[in-house]
C-alpha atoms as a PDB file:
ATOM      1  CA  GLU A   1      47.466 255.166-135.615  1.00  0.00           C
ATOM      2  CA  LEU A   2      44.653 253.461-133.745  1.00  0.00           C
ATOM      3  CA  ASP A   3      40.936 253.964-133.313  1.00  0.00           C
ATOM      4  CA  GLU A   4      38.711 253.034-130.618  1.00  0.00           C
ATOM      5  CA  PHE A   5      35.132 252.218-131.156  1.00  0.00           C
ATOM      6  CA  ASP A   6      32.204 251.697-128.711  1.00  0.00           C
ATOM      7  CA  PHE A   7      28.164 251.882-128.303  1.00  0.00           C
ATOM      8  CA  VAL A   8      26.478 253.930-125.742  1.00  0.00           C
ATOM      9  CA  GLU A   9      23.158 252.200-125.081  1.00  0.00           C
ATOM     10  CA  GLY A  10      20.204 252.856-122.857  1.00  0.00           C
ATOM     11  CA  LEU A  11      19.243 256.129-124.023  1.00  0.00           C
ATOM     12  CA  LEU A  12      15.594 257.577-124.714  1.00  0.00           C
ATOM     13  CA  ILE A  13      14.348 260.775-125.540  1.00  0.00           C
ATOM     14  CA  ARG A  14      10.780 262.256-124.518  1.00  0.00           C
ATOM     15  CA  GLY A  15       8.440 260.062-125.890  1.00  0.00           C
ATOM     16  CA  GLY A  16      10.025 256.911-125.688  1.00  0.00           C
ATOM     17  CA  ILE A  17      12.625 257.329-128.343  1.00  0.00           C
ATOM     18  CA  GLU A  18      15.752 254.550-128.201  1.00  0.00           C
ATOM     19  CA  VAL A  19      18.941 255.984-128.748  1.00  0.00           C
ATOM     20  CA  GLU A  20      22.479 254.189-129.129  1.00  0.00           C
ATOM     21  CA  VAL A  21      25.269 255.991-129.915  1.00  0.00           C
ATOM     22  CA  CYS A  22      28.517 254.691-132.141  1.00  0.00           C
ATOM     23  CA  ASN A  23      31.453 256.645-130.513  1.00  0.00           C
ATOM     24  CA  VAL A  24      35.236 256.132-131.907  1.00  0.00           C
ATOM     25  CA  VAL A  25      38.410 258.318-130.418  1.00  0.00           C
ATOM     26  CA  SER A  26      41.787 258.058-131.977  1.00  0.00           C
ATOM     27  CA  LEU A  27      44.809 257.515-129.670  1.00  0.00           C
ATOM     28  CA  HIS A  28      46.219 260.372-129.593  1.00  0.00           C
ATOM     29  CA  GLY A  29      42.680 261.406-128.585  1.00  0.00           C
ATOM     30  CA  TYR A  30      42.135 264.671-131.198  1.00  0.00           C
ATOM     31  CA  LEU A  31      39.929 262.929-133.670  1.00  0.00           C
ATOM     32  CA  VAL A  32      36.629 261.882-132.036  1.00  0.00           C
ATOM     33  CA  GLY A  33      33.666 261.145-133.424  1.00  0.00           C
ATOM     34  CA  SER A  34      29.701 260.640-132.680  1.00  0.00           C
ATOM     35  CA  PHE A  35      27.200 258.907-134.429  1.00  0.00           C
ATOM     36  CA  PRO A  36      23.785 258.933-132.599  1.00  0.00           C
ATOM     37  CA  SER A  37      20.846 256.805-134.051  1.00  0.00           C
ATOM     38  CA  THR A  38      18.249 254.536-133.156  1.00  0.00           C
ATOM     39  CA  PRO A  39      19.098 251.399-131.739  1.00  0.00           C
ATOM     40  CA  GLN A  40      22.510 250.640-133.575  1.00  0.00           C
ATOM     41  CA  THR A  41      22.820 247.443-135.767  1.00  0.00           C
ATOM     42  CA  THR A  42      25.794 246.034-137.384  1.00  0.00           C
ATOM     43  CA  GLU A  43      24.584 248.116-140.696  1.00  0.00           C
ATOM     44  CA  SER A  44      24.575 251.342-138.503  1.00  0.00           C
ATOM     45  CA  ALA A  45      27.657 250.667-137.364  1.00  0.00           C
ATOM     46  CA  LEU A  46      29.543 249.944-140.242  1.00  0.00           C
ATOM     47  CA  GLN A  47      28.093 253.285-142.000  1.00  0.00           C
ATOM     48  CA  ALA A  48      29.111 255.661-139.112  1.00  0.00           C
ATOM     49  CA  ILE A  49      32.742 253.976-139.365  1.00  0.00           C
ATOM     50  CA  ILE A  50      32.942 254.178-142.958  1.00  0.00           C
ATOM     51  CA  LYS A  51      31.733 258.001-142.885  1.00  0.00           C
ATOM     52  CA  HIS A  52      34.289 258.434-139.971  1.00  0.00           C
ATOM     53  CA  TRP A  53      37.163 256.934-142.071  1.00  0.00           C
ATOM     54  CA  ARG A  54      36.086 258.811-145.459  1.00  0.00           C
ATOM     55  CA  GLU A  55      36.303 262.177-143.262  1.00  0.00           C
ATOM     56  CA  VAL A  56      39.233 261.755-141.474  1.00  0.00           C
ATOM     57  CA  GLY A  57      40.922 258.982-143.208  1.00  0.00           C
ATOM     58  CA  LEU A  58      42.608 255.452-142.286  1.00  0.00           C
ATOM     59  CA  PRO A  59      44.388 254.365-139.037  1.00  0.00           C
ATOM     60  CA  ASP A  60      46.267 251.268-139.494  1.00  0.00           C
ATOM     61  CA  TYR A  61      44.220 249.492-136.566  1.00  0.00           C
ATOM     62  CA  ALA A  62      40.612 249.818-135.394  1.00  0.00           C
ATOM     63  CA  GLN A  63      40.116 248.691-132.142  1.00  0.00           C
ATOM     64  CA  PHE A  64      36.663 246.918-130.560  1.00  0.00           C
ATOM     65  CA  ASP A  65      35.201 245.185-127.818  1.00  0.00           C
ATOM     66  CA  ASN A  66      33.591 241.946-128.363  1.00  0.00           C
ATOM     67  CA  ASP A  67      29.869 243.091-129.142  1.00  0.00           C
ATOM     68  CA  THR A  68      28.447 240.981-132.008  1.00  0.00           C
ATOM     69  CA  ARG A  69      27.816 243.968-134.276  1.00  0.00           C
ATOM     70  CA  PHE A  70      31.253 244.069-134.779  1.00  0.00           C
ATOM     71  CA  GLN A  71      32.744 240.899-134.271  1.00  0.00           C
ATOM     72  CA  GLY A  72      30.181 238.796-135.537  1.00  0.00           C
ATOM     73  CA  PRO A  73      27.851 235.974-134.315  1.00  0.00           C
ATOM     74  CA  HIS A  74      29.565 234.075-131.423  1.00  0.00           C
ATOM     75  CA  GLN A  75      27.121 231.152-131.573  1.00  0.00           C
ATOM     76  CA  HIS A  76      29.092 229.310-134.444  1.00  0.00           C
ATOM     77  CA  PRO A  77      33.133 229.323-134.899  1.00  0.00           C
ATOM     78  CA  ASP A  78      35.342 230.776-137.390  1.00  0.00           C
ATOM     79  CA  VAL A  79      33.034 233.466-138.427  1.00  0.00           C
ATOM     80  CA  ILE A  80      34.069 236.867-139.354  1.00  0.00           C
ATOM     81  CA  GLY A  81      31.762 239.777-139.411  1.00  0.00           C
ATOM     82  CA  LYS A  82      31.101 242.000-141.803  1.00  0.00           C
ATOM     83  CA  VAL A  83      32.629 245.033-139.953  1.00  0.00           C
ATOM     84  CA  ILE A  84      36.028 242.999-140.015  1.00  0.00           C
ATOM     85  CA  ARG A  85      35.836 242.330-143.756  1.00  0.00           C
ATOM     86  CA  VAL A  86      35.340 246.089-144.319  1.00  0.00           C
ATOM     87  CA  CYS A  87      38.299 246.510-141.833  1.00  0.00           C
ATOM     88  CA  LEU A  88      40.448 244.155-144.126  1.00  0.00           C
ATOM     89  CA  SER A  89      39.402 245.242-147.457  1.00  0.00           C
ATOM     90  CA  LEU A  90      40.558 248.931-146.681  1.00  0.00           C
ATOM     91  CA  GLY A  91      43.930 247.734-144.949  1.00  0.00           C
ATOM     92  CA  VAL A  92      42.819 248.197-141.435  1.00  0.00           C
ATOM     93  CA  THR A  93      43.764 245.565-138.908  1.00  0.00           C
ATOM     94  CA  PRO A  94      41.023 244.935-136.631  1.00  0.00           C
ATOM     95  CA  VAL A  95      41.647 244.439-132.774  1.00  0.00           C
ATOM     96  CA  PHE A  96      39.292 243.021-130.456  1.00  0.00           C
ATOM     97  CA  ALA A  97      39.877 243.641-126.855  1.00  0.00           C
ATOM     98  CA  PRO A  98      39.809 241.240-124.093  1.00  0.00           C
ATOM     99  CA  PRO A  99      36.094 240.568-122.733  1.00  0.00           C
ATOM    100  CA  ARG A 100      35.184 242.375-119.222  1.00  0.00           C
ATOM    101  CA  GLU A 101      38.246 243.996-118.948  1.00  0.00           C
ATOM    102  CA  HIS A 102      38.568 247.365-119.439  1.00  0.00           C
ATOM    103  CA  GLY A 103      42.252 248.656-119.709  1.00  0.00           C
ATOM    104  CA  LEU A 104      42.592 248.923-123.269  1.00  0.00           C
ATOM    105  CA  GLN A 105      39.483 250.340-123.693  1.00  0.00           C
ATOM    106  CA  ASN A 106      40.291 253.198-121.763  1.00  0.00           C
ATOM    107  CA  GLY A 107      40.306 256.098-124.086  1.00  0.00           C
ATOM    108  CA  ILE A 108      36.991 254.940-125.726  1.00  0.00           C
ATOM    109  CA  GLU A 109      35.211 254.704-121.955  1.00  0.00           C
ATOM    110  CA  SER A 110      36.357 258.403-121.468  1.00  0.00           C
ATOM    111  CA  TYR A 111      35.022 259.810-124.164  1.00  0.00           C
ATOM    112  CA  ASN A 112      31.586 257.917-123.520  1.00  0.00           C
ATOM    113  CA  GLY A 113      31.636 259.462-120.434  1.00  0.00           C
ATOM    114  CA  LEU A 114      32.557 263.032-121.621  1.00  0.00           C
ATOM    115  CA  TRP A 115      30.122 262.769-124.790  1.00  0.00           C
ATOM    116  CA  GLN A 116      27.052 261.925-122.185  1.00  0.00           C
ATOM    117  CA  ALA A 117      28.195 264.747-119.725  1.00  0.00           C
ATOM    118  CA  LYS A 118      28.421 267.090-122.335  1.00  0.00           C
ATOM    119  CA  VAL A 119      25.793 266.387-124.778  1.00  0.00           C
ATOM    120  CA  TRP A 120      23.165 264.009-123.540  1.00  0.00           C
ATOM    121  CA  GLY A 121      23.146 265.572-120.152  1.00  0.00           C
ATOM    122  CA  ARG A 122      23.430 268.851-120.089  1.00  0.00           C
ATOM    123  CA  PHE A 123      20.660 269.403-122.973  1.00  0.00           C
ATOM    124  CA  GLN A 124      16.803 268.337-123.130  1.00  0.00           C
ATOM    125  CA  HIS A 125      16.512 266.684-126.731  1.00  0.00           C
ATOM    126  CA  GLN A 126      13.213 266.709-128.032  1.00  0.00           C
ATOM    127  CA  SER A 127      13.871 264.446-131.114  1.00  0.00           C
ATOM    128  CA  LEU A 128      16.898 261.902-132.674  1.00  0.00           C
ATOM    129  CA  ALA A 129      17.637 265.010-135.157  1.00  0.00           C
ATOM    130  CA  GLY A 130      18.104 267.607-132.344  1.00  0.00           C
ATOM    131  CA  LEU A 131      20.397 265.137-130.706  1.00  0.00           C
ATOM    132  CA  GLN A 132      22.192 264.588-133.749  1.00  0.00           C
ATOM    133  CA  GLU A 133      22.645 268.073-134.312  1.00  0.00           C
ATOM    134  CA  GLN A 134      24.001 268.820-130.550  1.00  0.00           C
ATOM    135  CA  SER A 135      26.244 266.089-131.023  1.00  0.00           C
ATOM    136  CA  ALA A 136      27.809 267.165-134.337  1.00  0.00           C
ATOM    137  CA  ARG A 137      28.809 270.719-132.608  1.00  0.00           C
ATOM    138  CA  TYR A 138      30.370 268.764-129.489  1.00  0.00           C
ATOM    139  CA  VAL A 139      32.267 266.819-131.804  1.00  0.00           C
ATOM    140  CA  ALA A 140      33.847 269.949-133.856  1.00  0.00           C
ATOM    141  CA  ALA A 141      34.694 271.945-130.648  1.00  0.00           C
ATOM    142  CA  SER A 142      36.128 268.523-129.392  1.00  0.00           C
ATOM    143  CA  ARG A 143      38.546 268.687-132.364  1.00  0.00           C
ATOM    144  CA  ARG A 144      39.226 272.014-132.710  1.00  0.00           C
ATOM    145  CA  ARG A 145      40.611 271.945-128.833  1.00  0.00           C
ATOM    146  CA  LYS A 146      42.684 269.189-129.286  1.00  0.00           C
ATOM    147  CA  ALA A 147      43.800 269.907-132.970  1.00  0.00           C
ATOM    148  CA  ALA A 148      47.719 270.438-131.435  1.00  0.00           C
ATOM    149  CA  ARG A 149      47.703 266.467-130.554  1.00  0.00           C
ATOM    150  CA  GLY A 150      47.479 265.668-134.067  1.00  0.00           C
ATOM    151  CA  ASP A 151      50.923 267.177-134.456  1.00  0.00           C
ATOM    152  CA  SER A 152      52.603 263.960-132.535  1.00  0.00           C
ATOM    153  CA  ALA A 153      50.270 261.473-134.393  1.00  0.00           C
ATOM    154  CA  PRO A 154      50.813 258.899-137.016  1.00  0.00           C
ATOM    155  CA  GLU A 155      49.478 260.261-140.612  1.00  0.00           C
ATOM    156  CA  ARG A 156      46.540 258.410-141.563  1.00  0.00           C
ATOM    157  CA  ARG A 157      46.218 257.267-145.007  1.00  0.00           C
ATOM    158  CA  LYS A 158      43.723 258.803-147.756  1.00  0.00           C
ATOM    159  CA  PHE A 159      40.314 257.123-148.204  1.00  0.00           C
ATOM    160  CA  PRO A 160      40.718 254.887-151.273  1.00  0.00           C
ATOM    161  CA  ARG A 161      38.349 256.749-154.278  1.00  0.00           C
ATOM    162  CA  GLN A 162      37.422 253.708-155.736  1.00  0.00           C
ATOM    163  CA  TRP A 163      36.605 251.560-152.980  1.00  0.00           C
ATOM    164  CA  LYS A 164      33.356 249.622-153.007  1.00  0.00           C
ATOM    165  CA  ARG A 165      32.285 247.465-150.274  1.00  0.00           C
ATOM    166  CA  ASN A 166      31.800 243.967-150.861  1.00  0.00           C
ATOM    167  CA  ASP A 167      30.492 241.636-148.224  1.00  0.00           C
ATOM    168  CA  GLU A 168      31.435 238.554-150.552  1.00  0.00           C
ATOM    169  CA  ALA A 169      35.147 239.912-151.392  1.00  0.00           C
ATOM    170  CA  LYS A 170      38.348 237.268-150.519  1.00  0.00           C
ATOM    171  CA  VAL A 171      39.490 238.595-147.183  1.00  0.00           C
ATOM    172  CA  LYS A 172      43.086 239.340-146.537  1.00  0.00           C
ATOM    173  CA  GLY A 173      45.407 240.449-143.603  1.00  0.00           C
ATOM    174  CA  GLN A 174      45.339 239.841-139.731  1.00  0.00           C
ATOM    175  CA  ILE A 175      42.968 240.074-137.278  1.00  0.00           C
ATOM    176  CA  ILE A 176      43.948 240.581-133.685  1.00  0.00           C
ATOM    177  CA  TYR A 177      42.219 238.933-130.773  1.00  0.00           C
ATOM    178  CA  ILE A 178      43.735 240.396-127.258  1.00  0.00           C
ATOM    179  CA  ARG A 179      42.618 237.629-124.627  1.00  0.00           C
ATOM    180  CA  ARG A 180      43.633 236.194-121.196  1.00  0.00           C
ATOM    181  CA  SER A 181      44.571 232.831-120.961  1.00  0.00           C
ATOM    182  CA  ASP A 182      42.908 230.626-118.032  1.00  0.00           C
ATOM    183  CA  GLU A 183      44.534 228.496-115.340  1.00  0.00           C
ATOM    184  CA  GLN A 184      45.813 226.125-118.100  1.00  0.00           C
ATOM    185  CA  GLY A 185      47.284 228.851-120.372  1.00  0.00           C
ATOM    186  CA  GLN A 186      44.476 228.489-122.844  1.00  0.00           C
ATOM    187  CA  VAL A 187      42.538 231.156-124.883  1.00  0.00           C
ATOM    188  CA  MET A 188      39.658 230.808-126.632  1.00  0.00           C
ATOM    189  CA  VAL A 189      40.131 232.338-130.187  1.00  0.00           C
ATOM    190  CA  LEU A 190      37.077 232.592-133.088  1.00  0.00           C
ATOM    191  CA  GLY A 191      35.390 229.767-131.347  1.00  0.00           C
ATOM    192  CA  HIS A 192      38.339 227.380-130.465  1.00  0.00           C
ATOM    193  CA  LYS A 193      40.342 226.537-127.521  1.00  0.00           C
ATOM    194  CA  TYR A 194      44.337 226.889-127.871  1.00  0.00           C
ATOM    195  CA  GLU A 195      46.577 225.201-125.386  1.00  0.00           C
ATOM    196  CA  VAL A 196      49.266 228.273-125.576  1.00  0.00           C
ATOM    197  CA  SER A 197      51.507 228.118-122.562  1.00  0.00           C
ATOM    198  CA  ALA A 198      51.097 226.841-119.599  1.00  0.00           C
ATOM    199  CA  ASN A 199      53.763 228.870-118.519  1.00  0.00           C
ATOM    200  CA  TRP A 200      51.274 232.086-119.090  1.00  0.00           C
ATOM    201  CA  CYS A 201      48.506 231.660-117.019  1.00  0.00           C
ATOM    202  CA  HIS A 202      46.215 234.088-116.506  1.00  0.00           C
ATOM    203  CA  ARG A 203      48.304 236.650-118.439  1.00  0.00           C
ATOM    204  CA  MET A 204      47.304 238.678-121.298  1.00  0.00           C
ATOM    205  CA  VAL A 205      47.772 237.064-124.651  1.00  0.00           C
ATOM    206  CA  ARG A 206      48.254 238.819-128.327  1.00  0.00           C
ATOM    207  CA  CYS A 207      46.752 236.290-130.700  1.00  0.00           C
ATOM    208  CA  GLU A 208      47.550 237.231-134.539  1.00  0.00           C
ATOM    209  CA  VAL A 209      45.326 235.501-136.943  1.00  0.00           C
ATOM    210  CA  ASP A 210      47.271 235.684-139.989  1.00  0.00           C
ATOM    211  CA  ILE A 211      44.886 234.952-143.037  1.00  0.00           C
ATOM    212  CA  ASP A 212      47.678 235.127-145.748  1.00  0.00           C
ATOM    213  CA  ASP A 213      49.687 232.728-143.862  1.00  0.00           C
ATOM    214  CA  LYS A 214      47.049 230.635-142.769  1.00  0.00           C
ATOM    215  CA  GLU A 215      48.183 230.451-138.792  1.00  0.00           C
ATOM    216  CA  ILE A 216      47.788 231.896-135.514  1.00  0.00           C
ATOM    217  CA  ARG A 217      50.695 233.654-133.446  1.00  0.00           C
ATOM    218  CA  PHE A 218      50.377 233.541-129.859  1.00  0.00           C
ATOM    219  CA  TYR A 219      52.503 236.196-128.279  1.00  0.00           C
ATOM    220  CA  GLY A 220      52.630 237.010-124.295  1.00  0.00           C
ATOM    221  CA  LEU A 221      52.102 240.705-123.603  1.00  0.00           C
ATOM    222  CA  ARG A 222      53.800 242.350-120.437  1.00  0.00           C
ATOM    223  CA  ARG A 223      51.971 245.700-119.394  1.00  0.00           C
ATOM    224  CA  SER A 224      55.233 246.502-117.870  1.00  0.00           C
ATOM    225  CA  ASP A 225      57.292 246.325-120.291  1.00  0.00           C
ATOM    226  CA  TRP A 226      55.275 245.959-123.328  1.00  0.00           C
ATOM    227  CA  ARG A 227      57.526 246.270-125.979  1.00  0.00           C
ATOM    228  CA  ASN A 228      58.982 242.456-125.154  1.00  0.00           C
ATOM    229  CA  GLN A 229      56.247 240.267-126.350  1.00  0.00           C
ATOM    230  CA  PRO A 230      57.900 236.700-126.302  1.00  0.00           C
ATOM    231  CA  LEU A 231      56.601 234.400-129.024  1.00  0.00           C
ATOM    232  CA  LEU A 232      54.995 231.550-127.222  1.00  0.00           C
ATOM    233  CA  ARG A 233      53.231 229.219-129.834  1.00  0.00           C
ATOM    234  CA  GLN A 234      52.524 229.257-133.638  1.00  0.00           C
ATOM    235  CA  THR A 235      49.739 227.258-134.984  1.00  0.00           C
ATOM    236  CA  ALA A 236      48.257 226.249-138.652  1.00  0.00           C
ATOM    237  CA  TYR A 237      44.860 227.955-138.997  1.00  0.00           C
ATOM    238  CA  GLU A 238      42.873 228.375-141.749  1.00  0.00           C
ATOM    239  CA  LEU A 239      39.360 230.072-142.717  1.00  0.00           C
ATOM    240  CA  PRO A 240      36.584 228.629-143.898  1.00  0.00           C
ATOM    241  CA  ARG A 241      36.225 228.709-148.045  1.00  0.00           C
ATOM    242  CA  ARG A 242      33.787 230.750-148.182  1.00  0.00           C
ATOM    243  CA  TYR A 243      36.111 233.921-146.814  1.00  0.00           C
ATOM    244  CA  VAL A 244      39.076 233.299-149.164  1.00  0.00           C
ATOM    245  CA  GLU A 245      37.609 232.359-152.140  1.00  0.00           C
END
């Protein structure tokens, strides 16, 4: 199972209250969630993610765009943000969609549009609390309507009772970046440019950062034959010591 997360931005309640929404939808479309708040920060996004997973259980993968609140700051290489750290601590593999491409984000973008039409656009909201209440009613109704889809979805893992967030803990597992190679067959991952293959230019690449094995594996993605993903290159890579010790 995979959960897709995204923000809806640029909303204003009467009186000038700025609102943003952290939305989530499962790959099979039956588990949705919406968390309106004043402008979202990394911390508020994390609270929404953790609250959602405590309620519905853990997926195997969580997909995000490249917003710094999800990924971490972009101005320095080798940065692992807090959202990534929380995902890895829960055994969830974070996946980052390719910048400025929409295919892999279709599910969450569709839900963003529905939420804006059914919640934001249909009612006049006098306060943030009122918007949150209306949003919660819509989420509950949407889950009821789509409950049958859950029969074909993989079982989700229970959220561990003893889990405690620790932003300083050692990280382990994998991080996946989906990227499009440039005209020379190169991709950018964690602030570094890698030569993947001169025969794989302007094409999609799945970049698996394996923290435990200290390497990055680059696989070619074919949308017409997604099961056939050739290994294009492997290269040594080690996260900074502050993350792994």
